[in-house]
Amino acid sequence: MEQKTKINAEDGKQDLLITREFDLPLELLFKAYAEPEIIEQWMGTKVLKLENKKYGGWQFETTDPKGNVVFQASGVIHEFSPNRKITRTFEMANTPFGVQLEITEFEKLTDDTSKVNMHVIYESVAKRDQVLALPFGQGINWAHNRLQEILSKLK
């Protein structure tokens, strides 16, 4: 089955572009990235902190059934423009990947469809390639599929 989330990673570059079209109005797609209750549903993680403003912090955490932390990520929001753009840093705890910069832009296609464009910049080509060696593409496609499914019920 073809993945709807597209990842463009040019050889020798330290960034990648992620794009996905959704059958959702722009405002609803943006809410999926801005409202903790919705983020928790489609990402399957707990939002510990989310300050949607310039220099606001964010922190997400996932635990297993025994309460052990299996995923933790955090960063700083540098730009928050409703229905348009979120620029933030992203760092996963206890991994060698380092800090990345994410520029996420939201685009209205029609009244009922929209698109997310993420430009992710890593410290180096090697760090980017480490992330791409994981099932990264399948993971983000799965998360975007959940986003579409959950928000379709809110339309």
Protein backbone atom coordinates (compact mmCIF):
# COMPACT_ATOMS: atom_id res chain seq x y z
CA MET A 1 0.00 0.00 0.00
CA GLU A 2 1.37 3.40 -0.95
CA GLN A 3 2.16 5.76 1.90
CA LYS A 4 0.23 9.03 1.71
CA THR A 5 2.87 10.89 3.72
CA LYS A 6 5.78 11.69 1.38
CA ILE A 7 9.35 12.08 2.58
CA ASN A 8 11.91 13.70 0.31
CA ALA A 9 15.47 13.17 1.54
CA GLU A 10 18.13 14.16 -0.97
CA ASP A 11 21.47 12.35 -0.71
CA GLY A 12 24.19 14.33 1.01
CA LYS A 13 21.85 16.88 2.61
CA GLN A 14 21.11 17.29 6.30
CA ASP A 15 17.42 18.00 5.90
CA LEU A 16 14.26 16.39 4.64
CA LEU A 17 10.83 17.49 3.49
CA ILE A 18 7.65 15.77 4.67
CA THR A 19 4.33 16.47 2.94
CA ARG A 20 0.83 15.13 3.40
CA GLU A 21 -2.55 16.15 2.04
CA PHE A 22 -5.58 15.67 4.30
CA ASP A 23 -9.31 15.60 3.71
CA LEU A 24 -9.67 18.16 6.48
CA PRO A 25 -10.26 21.91 6.54
CA LEU A 26 -7.12 23.95 7.30
CA GLU A 27 -8.32 25.08 10.75
CA LEU A 28 -8.98 21.51 11.86
CA LEU A 29 -5.60 20.27 10.59
CA PHE A 30 -3.85 23.06 12.49
CA LYS A 31 -5.71 22.12 15.70
CA ALA A 32 -4.19 18.64 15.42
CA TYR A 33 -0.77 20.23 15.98
CA ALA A 34 -1.86 22.85 18.52
CA GLU A 35 -4.36 21.29 20.94
CA PRO A 36 -2.96 18.84 23.52
CA GLU A 37 -6.08 16.66 23.65
CA ILE A 38 -5.97 16.06 19.89
CA ILE A 39 -2.18 15.58 19.79
CA GLU A 40 -2.44 12.88 22.46
CA GLN A 41 -5.03 11.00 20.40
CA TRP A 42 -3.23 10.88 17.06
CA MET A 43 0.34 10.69 18.34
CA GLY A 44 -0.44 8.20 21.10
CA THR A 45 1.65 10.16 23.59
CA LYS A 46 1.04 12.31 26.67
CA VAL A 47 1.46 16.07 26.33
CA LEU A 48 3.22 17.19 29.52
CA LYS A 49 3.69 20.78 28.36
CA LEU A 50 2.64 22.80 25.31
CA GLU A 51 3.07 26.57 25.34
CA ASN A 52 1.93 27.72 21.90
CA LYS A 53 3.82 31.01 21.77
CA LYS A 54 7.24 32.40 20.87
CA TYR A 55 9.82 30.87 23.26
CA GLY A 56 7.17 28.51 24.63
CA GLY A 57 8.29 25.07 25.66
CA TRP A 58 6.79 21.70 24.84
CA GLN A 59 7.30 18.18 26.18
CA PHE A 60 5.75 14.85 25.17
CA GLU A 61 6.14 11.48 26.88
CA THR A 62 5.00 7.93 26.22
CA THR A 63 5.02 5.17 28.84
CA ASP A 64 4.52 1.42 28.60
CA PRO A 65 1.75 -0.38 30.57
CA LYS A 66 4.11 -0.67 33.57
CA GLY A 67 4.72 3.10 33.63
CA ASN A 68 8.25 2.99 32.21
CA VAL A 69 9.10 5.94 29.94
CA VAL A 70 9.69 4.63 26.40
CA PHE A 71 9.68 7.96 24.52
CA GLN A 72 10.37 11.49 25.62
CA ALA A 73 10.82 14.55 23.42
CA SER A 74 10.91 18.27 24.07
CA GLY A 75 11.88 21.58 22.59
CA VAL A 76 11.17 25.28 22.20
CA ILE A 77 8.58 26.89 19.95
CA HIS A 78 10.10 29.77 17.99
CA GLU A 79 7.11 30.76 15.86
CA PHE A 80 3.42 30.04 16.30
CA SER A 81 1.19 31.52 13.60
CA PRO A 82 -2.34 30.03 13.82
CA ASN A 83 -3.43 28.12 10.71
CA ARG A 84 -0.14 28.99 9.02
CA LYS A 85 3.13 27.94 10.65
CA ILE A 86 4.85 26.38 13.67
CA THR A 87 8.64 26.53 13.99
CA ARG A 88 10.17 24.56 16.85
CA THR A 89 13.17 22.59 17.99
CA PHE A 90 12.75 18.86 18.62
CA GLU A 91 15.00 16.66 20.72
CA MET A 92 14.36 13.05 21.69
CA ALA A 93 15.75 12.05 25.07
CA ASN A 94 18.24 9.18 25.35
CA THR A 95 19.04 9.02 21.64
CA PRO A 96 22.10 10.02 19.60
CA PHE A 97 20.07 12.08 17.11
CA GLY A 98 20.65 15.54 18.58
CA VAL A 99 18.45 18.59 18.21
CA GLN A 100 16.56 19.20 14.99
CA LEU A 101 14.69 22.23 13.70
CA GLU A 102 11.14 21.69 12.39
CA ILE A 103 9.37 24.25 10.24
CA THR A 104 5.78 23.08 9.79
CA GLU A 105 3.59 25.01 7.37
CA PHE A 106 -0.13 24.52 6.82
CA GLU A 107 -1.71 25.12 3.42
CA LYS A 108 -5.38 25.40 2.47
CA LEU A 109 -6.11 23.51 -0.74
CA THR A 110 -9.93 23.79 -0.79
CA ASP A 111 -12.56 24.46 1.88
CA ASP A 112 -12.40 20.76 2.84
CA THR A 113 -8.77 19.82 2.11
CA SER A 114 -5.40 21.00 3.37
CA LYS A 115 -1.75 20.10 3.36
CA VAL A 116 1.06 20.00 5.89
CA ASN A 117 4.64 20.72 4.75
CA MET A 118 7.41 19.97 7.24
CA HIS A 119 11.01 21.00 6.65
CA VAL A 120 13.20 19.17 9.16
CA ILE A 121 16.86 20.18 9.54
CA TYR A 122 19.35 17.99 11.40
CA GLU A 123 22.80 18.78 12.82
CA SER A 124 24.46 16.72 10.10
CA VAL A 125 23.84 14.39 7.19
CA ALA A 126 24.90 11.49 9.43
CA LYS A 127 22.30 12.34 12.10
CA ARG A 128 19.56 12.64 9.46
CA ASP A 129 20.55 9.32 7.94
CA GLN A 130 20.47 7.65 11.39
CA VAL A 131 16.83 8.73 11.76
CA LEU A 132 15.96 7.57 8.24
CA ALA A 133 17.45 4.14 9.01
CA LEU A 134 14.67 3.64 11.57
CA PRO A 135 11.09 2.89 10.49
CA PHE A 136 10.65 6.69 10.51
CA GLY A 137 8.62 6.89 7.30
CA GLN A 138 6.20 4.17 8.35
CA GLY A 139 5.82 5.79 11.77
CA ILE A 140 4.94 9.25 10.53
CA ASN A 141 2.60 7.82 7.88
CA TRP A 142 0.84 5.76 10.59
CA ALA A 143 0.52 8.87 12.80
CA HIS A 144 -0.85 10.94 9.92
CA ASN A 145 -3.36 8.18 9.10
CA ARG A 146 -4.53 8.33 12.74
CA LEU A 147 -4.74 12.12 12.54
CA GLN A 148 -6.98 11.86 9.46
CA GLU A 149 -9.15 9.17 11.08
CA ILE A 150 -9.61 10.97 14.41
CA LEU A 151 -10.21 14.43 12.97
CA SER A 152 -12.61 13.17 10.31
CA LYS A 153 -14.96 12.43 13.21
CA LEU A 154 -14.71 16.08 14.35
CA LYS A 155 -15.53 17.64 10.96
